[in-house]
Amino acid sequence: MDIMTALKLVLRKSRAHNGLARGLHEAAKVIEKHAAHLCVLAEDCDQDDYVKLVKSLYA
């Protein structure tokens, strides 16, 4: 199993168990609470403000 297939499986299972925060607002709330175990940010995200926010929350 390659890394992308494994990631898809983990995301699918997390979503099924209501453990997946999607979108900037939901993700930011979970990151601020220090409850996030993994953050996935798309390579093709063209919103520089989104990228800066997510990176700063993890810094």
N, C-alpha and C. Protein backbone atom coordinates (compact mmCIF):
# COMPACT_ATOMS: atom_id res chain seq x y z
N MET A 1 0.84 -1.17 0.00
CA MET A 1 0.00 0.00 0.00
C MET A 1 0.90 1.24 0.00
N ASP A 2 0.65 2.15 -0.93
CA ASP A 2 1.45 3.37 -0.99
C ASP A 2 0.89 4.41 -0.02
N ILE A 3 1.62 5.50 0.16
CA ILE A 3 1.28 6.51 1.16
C ILE A 3 -0.05 7.21 0.86
N MET A 4 -0.34 7.48 -0.40
CA MET A 4 -1.59 8.16 -0.74
C MET A 4 -2.79 7.27 -0.49
N THR A 5 -2.66 5.98 -0.78
CA THR A 5 -3.74 5.04 -0.51
C THR A 5 -3.99 4.93 0.99
N ALA A 6 -2.91 4.87 1.76
CA ALA A 6 -3.03 4.79 3.21
C ALA A 6 -3.68 6.06 3.77
N LEU A 7 -3.29 7.21 3.24
CA LEU A 7 -3.87 8.48 3.69
C LEU A 7 -5.36 8.53 3.39
N LYS A 8 -5.76 8.11 2.20
CA LYS A 8 -7.18 8.08 1.85
C LYS A 8 -7.96 7.19 2.80
N LEU A 9 -7.38 6.05 3.15
CA LEU A 9 -8.04 5.12 4.06
C LEU A 9 -8.21 5.74 5.45
N VAL A 10 -7.16 6.37 5.95
CA VAL A 10 -7.22 7.01 7.27
C VAL A 10 -8.25 8.13 7.28
N LEU A 11 -8.26 8.95 6.23
CA LEU A 11 -9.22 10.06 6.16
C LEU A 11 -10.65 9.54 6.08
N ARG A 12 -10.86 8.49 5.32
CA ARG A 12 -12.19 7.90 5.17
C ARG A 12 -12.68 7.35 6.52
N LYS A 13 -11.80 6.66 7.24
CA LYS A 13 -12.17 6.10 8.55
C LYS A 13 -12.42 7.22 9.57
N SER A 14 -11.60 8.25 9.54
CA SER A 14 -11.78 9.38 10.45
C SER A 14 -13.11 10.07 10.20
N ARG A 15 -13.45 10.22 8.95
CA ARG A 15 -14.72 10.86 8.59
C ARG A 15 -15.90 10.01 9.06
N ALA A 16 -15.78 8.70 8.93
CA ALA A 16 -16.85 7.80 9.33
C ALA A 16 -17.09 7.84 10.84
N HIS A 17 -16.06 8.14 11.62
CA HIS A 17 -16.17 8.17 13.08
C HIS A 17 -16.25 9.59 13.62
N ASN A 18 -16.62 10.54 12.77
CA ASN A 18 -16.75 11.95 13.15
C ASN A 18 -15.49 12.51 13.78
N GLY A 19 -14.34 12.08 13.30
CA GLY A 19 -13.07 12.57 13.83
C GLY A 19 -12.30 13.42 12.84
N LEU A 20 -12.98 13.90 11.81
CA LEU A 20 -12.31 14.65 10.76
C LEU A 20 -12.86 16.07 10.71
N ALA A 21 -11.98 17.04 10.92
CA ALA A 21 -12.36 18.45 10.78
C ALA A 21 -12.01 18.87 9.36
N ARG A 22 -13.01 19.38 8.65
CA ARG A 22 -12.77 19.79 7.27
C ARG A 22 -13.01 21.28 7.13
N GLY A 23 -12.21 21.90 6.31
CA GLY A 23 -12.34 23.32 6.09
C GLY A 23 -11.45 24.11 7.04
N LEU A 24 -11.18 25.33 6.67
CA LEU A 24 -10.25 26.16 7.44
C LEU A 24 -10.77 26.46 8.84
N HIS A 25 -12.04 26.81 8.96
CA HIS A 25 -12.60 27.18 10.26
C HIS A 25 -12.57 26.01 11.24
N GLU A 26 -13.06 24.85 10.82
CA GLU A 26 -13.06 23.67 11.69
C GLU A 26 -11.64 23.26 12.05
N ALA A 27 -10.76 23.25 11.08
CA ALA A 27 -9.38 22.83 11.33
C ALA A 27 -8.68 23.79 12.29
N ALA A 28 -8.89 25.07 12.13
CA ALA A 28 -8.25 26.06 13.01
C ALA A 28 -8.70 25.88 14.45
N LYS A 29 -9.99 25.59 14.65
CA LYS A 29 -10.49 25.38 16.02
C LYS A 29 -9.83 24.17 16.67
N VAL A 30 -9.70 23.08 15.92
CA VAL A 30 -9.11 21.86 16.47
C VAL A 30 -7.62 22.05 16.73
N ILE A 31 -6.93 22.73 15.82
CA ILE A 31 -5.50 22.98 16.00
C ILE A 31 -5.27 23.85 17.23
N GLU A 32 -6.09 24.90 17.41
CA GLU A 32 -5.93 25.78 18.56
C GLU A 32 -6.16 25.06 19.88
N LYS A 33 -7.01 24.05 19.88
CA LYS A 33 -7.27 23.26 21.10
C LYS A 33 -6.19 22.21 21.34
N HIS A 34 -5.23 22.13 20.43
CA HIS A 34 -4.16 21.13 20.48
C HIS A 34 -4.72 19.71 20.46
N ALA A 35 -5.81 19.52 19.71
CA ALA A 35 -6.45 18.22 19.62
C ALA A 35 -6.20 17.56 18.27
N ALA A 36 -5.47 18.21 17.39
CA ALA A 36 -5.22 17.66 16.06
C ALA A 36 -4.04 16.69 16.10
N HIS A 37 -4.21 15.57 15.42
CA HIS A 37 -3.13 14.59 15.31
C HIS A 37 -2.42 14.69 13.97
N LEU A 38 -3.13 15.21 12.97
CA LEU A 38 -2.60 15.28 11.61
C LEU A 38 -3.29 16.43 10.90
N CYS A 39 -2.53 17.16 10.12
CA CYS A 39 -3.10 18.23 9.31
C CYS A 39 -2.63 18.03 7.88
N VAL A 40 -3.58 17.98 6.95
CA VAL A 40 -3.26 17.79 5.54
C VAL A 40 -3.68 19.05 4.80
N LEU A 41 -2.74 19.68 4.14
CA LEU A 41 -2.99 20.89 3.38
C LEU A 41 -2.64 20.60 1.93
N ALA A 42 -3.58 20.85 1.04
CA ALA A 42 -3.39 20.54 -0.38
C ALA A 42 -2.23 21.35 -0.96
N GLU A 43 -1.43 20.69 -1.79
CA GLU A 43 -0.31 21.36 -2.45
C GLU A 43 -0.77 22.49 -3.35
N ASP A 44 -1.95 22.33 -3.95
CA ASP A 44 -2.42 23.31 -4.92
C ASP A 44 -3.28 24.41 -4.29
N CYS A 45 -3.19 24.56 -2.97
CA CYS A 45 -3.93 25.63 -2.29
C CYS A 45 -3.34 26.97 -2.73
N ASP A 46 -4.16 27.78 -3.38
CA ASP A 46 -3.66 29.05 -3.91
C ASP A 46 -3.98 30.24 -3.00
N GLN A 47 -4.52 29.96 -1.83
CA GLN A 47 -4.82 31.01 -0.85
C GLN A 47 -3.65 31.14 0.12
N ASP A 48 -2.78 32.09 -0.14
CA ASP A 48 -1.59 32.26 0.70
C ASP A 48 -1.94 32.52 2.17
N ASP A 49 -3.05 33.20 2.40
CA ASP A 49 -3.47 33.47 3.78
C ASP A 49 -3.80 32.17 4.52
N TYR A 50 -4.42 31.22 3.83
CA TYR A 50 -4.75 29.93 4.44
C TYR A 50 -3.48 29.19 4.83
N VAL A 51 -2.54 29.16 3.91
CA VAL A 51 -1.28 28.46 4.16
C VAL A 51 -0.55 29.09 5.34
N LYS A 52 -0.48 30.41 5.37
CA LYS A 52 0.19 31.12 6.47
C LYS A 52 -0.49 30.84 7.80
N LEU A 53 -1.83 30.84 7.80
CA LEU A 53 -2.56 30.60 9.05
C LEU A 53 -2.29 29.20 9.59
N VAL A 54 -2.40 28.20 8.74
CA VAL A 54 -2.20 26.82 9.18
C VAL A 54 -0.77 26.62 9.67
N LYS A 55 0.19 27.14 8.93
CA LYS A 55 1.59 26.99 9.35
C LYS A 55 1.86 27.73 10.65
N SER A 56 1.26 28.89 10.83
CA SER A 56 1.50 29.65 12.07
C SER A 56 0.85 28.97 13.28
N LEU A 57 -0.27 28.31 13.08
CA LEU A 57 -0.91 27.60 14.18
C LEU A 57 -0.08 26.40 14.63
N TYR A 58 0.68 25.83 13.72
CA TYR A 58 1.53 24.69 14.06
C TYR A 58 2.92 25.10 14.52
N ALA A 59 3.26 26.38 14.40
CA ALA A 59 4.61 26.83 14.79
C ALA A 59 4.75 26.96 16.29
